[in-house]
Amino acid sequence: MKTSGGEISLNAVLVNKRRFNWQLGFNIAKYTSIITKLPTGPIYTDFADGVSDQY
């Protein structure tokens, strides 16, 4: 699997008084994942009926 992308974050303190603070934050991200290879043989799991016993 190959993953690429990035993230940008912007934070600002708009008001910083003794009894009042106002902060603003913004975050944006973009990631892309590409499957580059799949297994060729059989895939074995711990359960046969499709239901896990872990509750």
C-alpha atoms as a PDB file:
ATOM      1  CA  MET A   1       0.000   0.000   0.000  1.00  0.00           C
ATOM      2  CA  LYS A   2       1.200   3.489  -0.826  1.00  0.00           C
ATOM      3  CA  THR A   3      -0.138   6.526   1.038  1.00  0.00           C
ATOM      4  CA  SER A   4       0.565  10.154   0.248  1.00  0.00           C
ATOM      5  CA  GLY A   5      -0.913  13.457   1.287  1.00  0.00           C
ATOM      6  CA  GLY A   6      -0.622  16.319   3.689  1.00  0.00           C
ATOM      7  CA  GLU A   7      -2.216  18.371   6.417  1.00  0.00           C
ATOM      8  CA  ILE A   8      -2.343  22.097   7.165  1.00  0.00           C
ATOM      9  CA  SER A   9      -3.290  23.605  10.507  1.00  0.00           C
ATOM     10  CA  LEU A  10      -3.859  27.286  11.295  1.00  0.00           C
ATOM     11  CA  ASN A  11      -4.421  28.598  14.826  1.00  0.00           C
ATOM     12  CA  ALA A  12      -4.892  32.174  16.021  1.00  0.00           C
ATOM     13  CA  VAL A  13      -5.561  33.953  19.303  1.00  0.00           C
ATOM     14  CA  LEU A  14      -8.133  36.623  18.438  1.00  0.00           C
ATOM     15  CA  VAL A  15      -8.675  38.073  21.929  1.00  0.00           C
ATOM     16  CA  ASN A  16      -6.444  37.515  24.942  1.00  0.00           C
ATOM     17  CA  LYS A  17      -7.745  39.502  27.909  1.00  0.00           C
ATOM     18  CA  ARG A  18      -7.425  38.756  31.606  1.00  0.00           C
ATOM     19  CA  ARG A  19     -10.928  37.276  31.932  1.00  0.00           C
ATOM     20  CA  PHE A  20     -11.701  36.421  28.292  1.00  0.00           C
ATOM     21  CA  ASN A  21      -9.832  34.416  25.641  1.00  0.00           C
ATOM     22  CA  TRP A  22     -11.009  33.772  22.102  1.00  0.00           C
ATOM     23  CA  GLN A  23      -9.066  31.290  19.975  1.00  0.00           C
ATOM     24  CA  LEU A  24      -9.750  30.117  16.448  1.00  0.00           C
ATOM     25  CA  GLY A  25      -8.428  26.963  14.799  1.00  0.00           C
ATOM     26  CA  PHE A  26      -8.701  25.490  11.309  1.00  0.00           C
ATOM     27  CA  ASN A  27      -7.428  22.162  10.008  1.00  0.00           C
ATOM     28  CA  ILE A  28      -7.593  20.575   6.556  1.00  0.00           C
ATOM     29  CA  ALA A  29      -6.147  17.278   5.348  1.00  0.00           C
ATOM     30  CA  LYS A  30      -5.987  15.333   2.088  1.00  0.00           C
ATOM     31  CA  TYR A  31      -4.655  11.789   1.893  1.00  0.00           C
ATOM     32  CA  THR A  32      -4.724   9.213  -0.886  1.00  0.00           C
ATOM     33  CA  SER A  33      -4.041   5.492  -0.454  1.00  0.00           C
ATOM     34  CA  ILE A  34      -3.357   3.094  -3.318  1.00  0.00           C
ATOM     35  CA  ILE A  35      -3.229  -0.696  -3.000  1.00  0.00           C
ATOM     36  CA  THR A  36      -0.114  -1.727  -4.899  1.00  0.00           C
ATOM     37  CA  LYS A  37      -0.167  -5.503  -4.299  1.00  0.00           C
ATOM     38  CA  LEU A  38      -2.708  -8.090  -3.192  1.00  0.00           C
ATOM     39  CA  PRO A  39      -1.911 -11.531  -1.750  1.00  0.00           C
ATOM     40  CA  THR A  40      -1.987 -14.323  -4.335  1.00  0.00           C
ATOM     41  CA  GLY A  41      -2.512 -17.284  -2.006  1.00  0.00           C
ATOM     42  CA  PRO A  42      -5.419 -18.185   0.260  1.00  0.00           C
ATOM     43  CA  ILE A  43      -6.248 -15.934   3.213  1.00  0.00           C
ATOM     44  CA  TYR A  44      -6.778 -17.777   6.505  1.00  0.00           C
ATOM     45  CA  THR A  45      -8.742 -16.311   9.418  1.00  0.00           C
ATOM     46  CA  ASP A  46      -9.368 -17.384  13.025  1.00  0.00           C
ATOM     47  CA  PHE A  47     -13.056 -18.033  12.424  1.00  0.00           C
ATOM     48  CA  ALA A  48     -14.852 -20.070   9.763  1.00  0.00           C
ATOM     49  CA  ASP A  49     -18.472 -18.883   9.960  1.00  0.00           C
ATOM     50  CA  GLY A  50     -17.847 -15.138   9.533  1.00  0.00           C
ATOM     51  CA  VAL A  51     -18.783 -14.304  13.133  1.00  0.00           C
ATOM     52  CA  SER A  52     -16.160 -13.505  15.748  1.00  0.00           C
ATOM     53  CA  ASP A  53     -16.591 -14.764  19.325  1.00  0.00           C
ATOM     54  CA  GLN A  54     -14.985 -11.633  20.800  1.00  0.00           C
ATOM     55  CA  TYR A  55     -17.722  -9.499  22.405  1.00  0.00           C
END
